[in-house]
């Protein structure tokens, strides 16, 4: 992947093997300055989102709405607005899934408690 000279030029470089998306090729992400960014979490599009209709709708609606508002803007503006909507959608989705798990867990506990009460009363 690299030579000794290249390693001297980029001593903080990191190569990360990423997950293949709709391909049989595995992408390699090269970070020349290493991972030094801290603080705010970087947005990353998850390939599994593309399987969900909601995600596709968000992307299509956001790009179309920019056109409707006559704010054609730049690619970056559209991308930024879409990123924010997808981030919120994913956050809300994860919160809903956590609540479902919590409700199911409580339901199971209640059901188990009822079964124990029935067994002890017999």
N, C-alpha and C. Protein backbone atom coordinates (compact mmCIF):
# COMPACT_ATOMS: atom_id res chain seq x y z
N UNK A 1 0.82 -1.20 0.00
CA UNK A 1 0.00 0.00 0.00
C UNK A 1 0.86 1.26 0.00
N UNK A 2 1.98 1.23 0.67
CA UNK A 2 2.78 2.45 0.73
C UNK A 2 4.26 2.10 0.73
N UNK A 3 5.04 3.14 0.48
CA UNK A 3 6.49 2.96 0.51
C UNK A 3 7.05 3.64 1.75
N UNK A 4 8.31 3.43 2.02
CA UNK A 4 8.96 4.05 3.16
C UNK A 4 8.94 5.58 3.01
N UNK A 5 9.17 6.05 1.80
CA UNK A 5 9.14 7.50 1.55
C UNK A 5 7.76 8.07 1.83
N UNK A 6 6.75 7.36 1.38
CA UNK A 6 5.37 7.81 1.57
C UNK A 6 5.05 7.87 3.07
N UNK A 7 5.50 6.88 3.81
CA UNK A 7 5.26 6.87 5.25
C UNK A 7 5.94 8.04 5.96
N UNK A 8 7.10 8.46 5.47
CA UNK A 8 7.77 9.63 6.05
C UNK A 8 7.01 10.91 5.73
N UNK A 9 6.44 10.99 4.53
CA UNK A 9 5.67 12.17 4.14
C UNK A 9 4.35 12.29 4.91
N UNK A 10 3.75 11.15 5.22
CA UNK A 10 2.45 11.14 5.90
C UNK A 10 2.50 10.22 7.13
N UNK A 11 3.20 10.63 8.16
CA UNK A 11 3.38 9.75 9.33
C UNK A 11 2.09 9.49 10.12
N UNK A 12 1.10 10.38 9.99
CA UNK A 12 -0.15 10.20 10.73
C UNK A 12 -1.23 9.51 9.90
N UNK A 13 -0.89 9.10 8.70
CA UNK A 13 -1.89 8.51 7.80
C UNK A 13 -2.43 7.20 8.35
N UNK A 14 -3.73 7.02 8.13
CA UNK A 14 -4.41 5.80 8.56
C UNK A 14 -5.26 5.30 7.39
N UNK A 15 -5.19 4.01 7.12
CA UNK A 15 -6.04 3.40 6.09
C UNK A 15 -7.08 2.55 6.80
N UNK A 16 -8.34 2.77 6.46
CA UNK A 16 -9.44 2.05 7.07
C UNK A 16 -10.19 1.28 5.99
N UNK A 17 -10.44 0.02 6.22
CA UNK A 17 -11.22 -0.78 5.28
C UNK A 17 -12.68 -0.58 5.63
N UNK A 18 -13.46 -0.10 4.65
CA UNK A 18 -14.87 0.21 4.88
C UNK A 18 -15.75 -0.94 4.41
N UNK A 19 -17.04 -0.82 4.64
CA UNK A 19 -18.01 -1.85 4.26
C UNK A 19 -18.41 -1.64 2.80
N UNK A 20 -18.39 -2.70 1.99
CA UNK A 20 -18.80 -2.54 0.59
C UNK A 20 -20.29 -2.26 0.48
N UNK A 21 -20.64 -1.34 -0.41
CA UNK A 21 -22.03 -0.95 -0.63
C UNK A 21 -22.37 -1.25 -2.08
N UNK A 22 -23.25 -2.19 -2.30
CA UNK A 22 -23.73 -2.55 -3.64
C UNK A 22 -22.58 -2.83 -4.60
N UNK A 23 -21.56 -3.47 -4.11
CA UNK A 23 -20.41 -3.79 -4.95
C UNK A 23 -19.67 -4.96 -4.32
N UNK A 24 -18.85 -5.62 -5.13
CA UNK A 24 -18.03 -6.68 -4.57
C UNK A 24 -16.63 -6.16 -4.22
N UNK A 25 -16.44 -4.83 -4.35
CA UNK A 25 -15.17 -4.21 -4.00
C UNK A 25 -15.25 -3.60 -2.62
N UNK A 26 -14.23 -3.79 -1.81
CA UNK A 26 -14.19 -3.21 -0.48
C UNK A 26 -13.43 -1.89 -0.54
N UNK A 27 -14.12 -0.78 -0.19
CA UNK A 27 -13.44 0.52 -0.26
C UNK A 27 -12.42 0.70 0.86
N UNK A 28 -11.40 1.46 0.56
CA UNK A 28 -10.39 1.80 1.56
C UNK A 28 -10.43 3.31 1.74
N UNK A 29 -10.63 3.74 2.98
CA UNK A 29 -10.67 5.17 3.29
C UNK A 29 -9.29 5.55 3.82
N UNK A 30 -8.71 6.56 3.22
CA UNK A 30 -7.37 7.01 3.60
C UNK A 30 -7.47 8.36 4.30
N UNK A 31 -7.04 8.41 5.55
CA UNK A 31 -7.02 9.65 6.32
C UNK A 31 -5.57 10.09 6.44
N UNK A 32 -5.22 11.16 5.74
CA UNK A 32 -3.81 11.57 5.71
C UNK A 32 -3.34 12.19 7.01
N UNK A 33 -4.23 12.79 7.77
CA UNK A 33 -3.83 13.42 9.03
C UNK A 33 -4.25 12.60 10.24
N UNK A 34 -4.59 11.37 10.03
CA UNK A 34 -5.01 10.53 11.15
C UNK A 34 -6.37 10.95 11.67
N UNK A 35 -6.75 10.37 12.76
CA UNK A 35 -8.03 10.71 13.38
C UNK A 35 -7.75 11.65 14.53
N UNK A 36 -7.84 12.94 14.26
CA UNK A 36 -7.56 13.92 15.30
C UNK A 36 -8.79 14.74 15.65
N UNK A 37 -9.83 14.64 14.85
CA UNK A 37 -11.03 15.43 15.08
C UNK A 37 -11.79 14.90 16.29
N UNK A 38 -12.07 15.78 17.22
CA UNK A 38 -12.82 15.41 18.42
C UNK A 38 -13.98 16.37 18.56
N UNK A 39 -14.88 16.02 19.43
CA UNK A 39 -16.01 16.89 19.68
C UNK A 39 -17.24 16.40 18.93
N UNK A 40 -17.76 17.24 18.06
CA UNK A 40 -18.98 16.94 17.35
C UNK A 40 -18.82 15.69 16.48
N UNK A 41 -19.79 14.79 16.59
CA UNK A 41 -19.73 13.53 15.85
C UNK A 41 -19.92 13.80 14.35
N UNK A 42 -19.07 13.21 13.55
CA UNK A 42 -19.14 13.38 12.11
C UNK A 42 -20.30 12.59 11.54
N UNK A 43 -21.02 13.19 10.59
CA UNK A 43 -22.15 12.52 9.96
C UNK A 43 -21.64 11.49 8.95
N UNK A 44 -22.22 10.31 9.02
CA UNK A 44 -21.89 9.27 8.04
C UNK A 44 -23.18 8.62 7.59
N UNK A 45 -23.34 8.52 6.29
CA UNK A 45 -24.51 7.85 5.74
C UNK A 45 -24.33 6.35 5.91
N UNK A 46 -25.31 5.72 6.52
CA UNK A 46 -25.26 4.28 6.75
C UNK A 46 -25.88 3.57 5.55
N UNK A 47 -25.19 2.60 4.99
CA UNK A 47 -25.71 1.91 3.80
C UNK A 47 -27.04 1.23 4.07
N UNK A 48 -27.27 0.80 5.32
CA UNK A 48 -28.53 0.12 5.64
C UNK A 48 -29.73 1.06 5.50
N UNK A 49 -29.49 2.38 5.58
CA UNK A 49 -30.58 3.34 5.42
C UNK A 49 -31.19 3.26 4.03
N UNK A 50 -30.37 2.94 3.04
CA UNK A 50 -30.86 2.91 1.66
C UNK A 50 -31.92 1.84 1.46
N UNK A 51 -32.03 0.91 2.39
CA UNK A 51 -33.06 -0.12 2.31
C UNK A 51 -34.41 0.37 2.82
N UNK A 52 -34.43 1.53 3.44
CA UNK A 52 -35.66 2.05 4.03
C UNK A 52 -36.27 3.13 3.15
N UNK A 53 -37.55 3.00 2.90
CA UNK A 53 -38.26 3.93 2.02
C UNK A 53 -38.25 5.35 2.59
N UNK A 54 -38.35 5.45 3.91
CA UNK A 54 -38.35 6.77 4.56
C UNK A 54 -37.10 7.57 4.20
N UNK A 55 -35.97 6.91 4.18
CA UNK A 55 -34.71 7.56 3.88
C UNK A 55 -34.72 8.11 2.45
N UNK A 56 -35.14 7.27 1.53
CA UNK A 56 -35.23 7.69 0.13
C UNK A 56 -36.16 8.88 -0.03
N UNK A 57 -37.28 8.84 0.69
CA UNK A 57 -38.24 9.95 0.63
C UNK A 57 -37.65 11.24 1.15
N UNK A 58 -36.90 11.15 2.23
CA UNK A 58 -36.27 12.34 2.81
C UNK A 58 -35.32 12.98 1.81
N UNK A 59 -34.49 12.17 1.18
CA UNK A 59 -33.53 12.69 0.21
C UNK A 59 -34.26 13.34 -0.97
N UNK A 60 -35.24 12.64 -1.53
CA UNK A 60 -35.98 13.18 -2.67
C UNK A 60 -36.73 14.46 -2.32
N UNK A 61 -37.38 14.47 -1.16
CA UNK A 61 -38.14 15.65 -0.75
C UNK A 61 -37.24 16.85 -0.51
N UNK A 62 -36.11 16.64 0.13
CA UNK A 62 -35.23 17.76 0.43
C UNK A 62 -34.64 18.37 -0.85
N UNK A 63 -34.23 17.53 -1.77
CA UNK A 63 -33.66 18.06 -3.01
C UNK A 63 -34.73 18.73 -3.86
N UNK A 64 -35.96 18.20 -3.85
CA UNK A 64 -37.06 18.81 -4.61
C UNK A 64 -37.50 20.11 -3.95
N UNK A 65 -37.54 20.15 -2.62
CA UNK A 65 -37.99 21.35 -1.92
C UNK A 65 -37.04 22.52 -2.16
N UNK A 66 -35.76 22.26 -2.31
CA UNK A 66 -34.80 23.32 -2.61
C UNK A 66 -35.13 23.94 -3.96
N UNK A 67 -35.55 23.12 -4.90
CA UNK A 67 -35.93 23.61 -6.21
C UNK A 67 -37.23 24.42 -6.12
N UNK A 68 -38.20 23.92 -5.33
CA UNK A 68 -39.48 24.61 -5.19
C UNK A 68 -39.31 25.98 -4.54
N UNK A 69 -38.39 26.09 -3.59
CA UNK A 69 -38.16 27.36 -2.91
C UNK A 69 -37.35 28.31 -3.78
N UNK A 70 -37.06 27.84 -4.99
CA UNK A 70 -36.25 28.61 -5.93
C UNK A 70 -34.88 28.93 -5.34
N UNK A 71 -34.43 28.03 -4.50
CA UNK A 71 -33.10 28.16 -3.91
C UNK A 71 -32.24 27.04 -4.45
N UNK A 72 -31.95 27.12 -5.69
CA UNK A 72 -31.19 26.05 -6.29
C UNK A 72 -29.91 25.80 -5.53
N UNK A 73 -29.32 26.87 -5.10
CA UNK A 73 -28.14 26.76 -4.25
C UNK A 73 -27.06 25.87 -4.83
N UNK A 74 -26.14 25.60 -4.01
CA UNK A 74 -25.03 24.77 -4.43
C UNK A 74 -25.26 23.34 -3.98
N UNK A 75 -24.45 22.49 -4.47
CA UNK A 75 -24.49 21.09 -4.08
C UNK A 75 -24.30 20.98 -2.57
N UNK A 76 -23.39 21.79 -2.03
CA UNK A 76 -23.10 21.73 -0.59
C UNK A 76 -24.32 22.10 0.26
N UNK A 77 -25.06 23.11 -0.18
CA UNK A 77 -26.25 23.54 0.58
C UNK A 77 -27.27 22.41 0.61
N UNK A 78 -27.53 21.81 -0.54
CA UNK A 78 -28.48 20.70 -0.59
C UNK A 78 -28.00 19.53 0.24
N UNK A 79 -26.74 19.24 0.15
CA UNK A 79 -26.17 18.13 0.90
C UNK A 79 -26.26 18.38 2.40
N UNK A 80 -25.95 19.60 2.82
CA UNK A 80 -26.00 19.94 4.24
C UNK A 80 -27.42 19.81 4.79
N UNK A 81 -28.40 20.34 4.04
CA UNK A 81 -29.79 20.27 4.49
C UNK A 81 -30.27 18.82 4.55
N UNK A 82 -29.88 18.02 3.56
CA UNK A 82 -30.27 16.62 3.54
C UNK A 82 -29.62 15.88 4.71
N UNK A 83 -28.37 16.20 4.98
CA UNK A 83 -27.64 15.57 6.09
C UNK A 83 -28.36 15.82 7.41
N UNK A 84 -28.79 17.06 7.64
CA UNK A 84 -29.48 17.40 8.88
C UNK A 84 -30.78 16.61 9.01
N UNK A 85 -31.54 16.54 7.92
CA UNK A 85 -32.81 15.80 7.96
C UNK A 85 -32.57 14.32 8.22
N UNK A 86 -31.57 13.74 7.57
CA UNK A 86 -31.27 12.32 7.77
C UNK A 86 -30.76 12.08 9.19
N UNK A 87 -29.96 12.97 9.72
CA UNK A 87 -29.45 12.81 11.09
C UNK A 87 -30.61 12.81 12.08
N UNK A 88 -31.54 13.76 11.90
CA UNK A 88 -32.71 13.83 12.79
C UNK A 88 -33.58 12.59 12.66
N UNK A 89 -33.79 12.16 11.42
CA UNK A 89 -34.61 10.96 11.17
C UNK A 89 -33.99 9.75 11.86
N UNK A 90 -32.69 9.57 11.72
CA UNK A 90 -32.03 8.43 12.34
C UNK A 90 -32.08 8.51 13.86
N UNK A 91 -31.84 9.70 14.40
CA UNK A 91 -31.90 9.88 15.85
C UNK A 91 -33.30 9.53 16.38
N UNK A 92 -34.33 10.05 15.71
CA UNK A 92 -35.70 9.77 16.14
C UNK A 92 -36.04 8.29 16.00
N UNK A 93 -35.55 7.69 14.93
CA UNK A 93 -35.79 6.27 14.69
C UNK A 93 -35.14 5.42 15.79
N UNK A 94 -33.90 5.75 16.14
CA UNK A 94 -33.21 5.02 17.20
C UNK A 94 -33.93 5.20 18.54
N UNK A 95 -34.42 6.42 18.80
CA UNK A 95 -35.17 6.65 20.03
C UNK A 95 -36.45 5.82 20.06
N UNK A 96 -37.15 5.73 18.91
CA UNK A 96 -38.36 4.92 18.84
C UNK A 96 -38.05 3.46 19.09
N UNK A 97 -36.95 2.97 18.50
CA UNK A 97 -36.58 1.57 18.69
C UNK A 97 -36.22 1.29 20.15
N UNK A 98 -35.53 2.22 20.79
CA UNK A 98 -35.19 2.05 22.21
C UNK A 98 -36.45 2.01 23.06
N UNK A 99 -37.41 2.90 22.75
CA UNK A 99 -38.67 2.91 23.51
C UNK A 99 -39.42 1.61 23.31
N UNK A 100 -39.41 1.08 22.07
CA UNK A 100 -40.08 -0.20 21.81
C UNK A 100 -39.45 -1.31 22.63
N UNK A 101 -38.11 -1.35 22.66
CA UNK A 101 -37.41 -2.36 23.45
C UNK A 101 -37.76 -2.24 24.93
N UNK A 102 -37.80 -1.00 25.41
CA UNK A 102 -38.12 -0.76 26.81
C UNK A 102 -39.55 -1.21 27.13
N UNK A 103 -40.48 -0.87 26.26
CA UNK A 103 -41.88 -1.27 26.46
C UNK A 103 -42.00 -2.80 26.43
N UNK A 104 -41.34 -3.42 25.46
CA UNK A 104 -41.39 -4.89 25.36
C UNK A 104 -40.80 -5.53 26.61
N UNK A 105 -39.69 -4.96 27.09
CA UNK A 105 -39.04 -5.49 28.29
C UNK A 105 -39.98 -5.36 29.50
N UNK A 106 -40.60 -4.21 29.64
CA UNK A 106 -41.54 -4.01 30.75
C UNK A 106 -42.74 -4.95 30.63
N UNK A 107 -43.23 -5.11 29.41
CA UNK A 107 -44.37 -6.00 29.17
C UNK A 107 -44.01 -7.43 29.58
N UNK A 108 -42.79 -7.85 29.22
CA UNK A 108 -42.32 -9.19 29.58
C UNK A 108 -42.20 -9.33 31.09
N UNK A 109 -41.67 -8.30 31.74
CA UNK A 109 -41.55 -8.33 33.20
C UNK A 109 -42.92 -8.44 33.86
N UNK A 110 -43.88 -7.68 33.37
CA UNK A 110 -45.23 -7.71 33.93
C UNK A 110 -45.86 -9.07 33.71
N UNK A 111 -45.70 -9.58 32.48
CA UNK A 111 -46.26 -10.90 32.15
C UNK A 111 -45.63 -11.98 33.04
N UNK A 112 -44.30 -11.93 33.20
CA UNK A 112 -43.61 -12.89 34.07
C UNK A 112 -44.09 -12.76 35.50
N UNK A 113 -44.29 -11.53 35.95
CA UNK A 113 -44.78 -11.29 37.30
C UNK A 113 -46.18 -11.85 37.48
N UNK A 114 -47.04 -11.68 36.47
CA UNK A 114 -48.40 -12.23 36.53
C UNK A 114 -48.37 -13.75 36.58
N UNK A 115 -47.46 -14.35 35.80
CA UNK A 115 -47.36 -15.81 35.78
C UNK A 115 -46.88 -16.32 37.15
N UNK A 116 -45.94 -15.61 37.78
CA UNK A 116 -45.47 -16.00 39.10
C UNK A 116 -46.60 -15.89 40.12
N UNK A 117 -47.39 -14.83 40.00
CA UNK A 117 -48.51 -14.64 40.93
C UNK A 117 -49.54 -15.76 40.76
N UNK A 118 -49.78 -16.17 39.52
CA UNK A 118 -50.75 -17.24 39.24
C UNK A 118 -50.23 -18.56 39.82
N UNK A 119 -48.92 -18.82 39.64
CA UNK A 119 -48.32 -20.07 40.13
C UNK A 119 -48.38 -20.14 41.66
N UNK A 120 -48.11 -19.03 42.32
CA UNK A 120 -48.09 -19.04 43.79
C UNK A 120 -49.49 -19.15 44.37
N UNK A 121 -50.49 -18.70 43.63
CA UNK A 121 -51.86 -18.75 44.15
C UNK A 121 -52.48 -20.14 43.97
N UNK A 122 -51.86 -20.98 43.14
CA UNK A 122 -52.43 -22.32 42.90
C UNK A 122 -52.05 -23.29 43.94
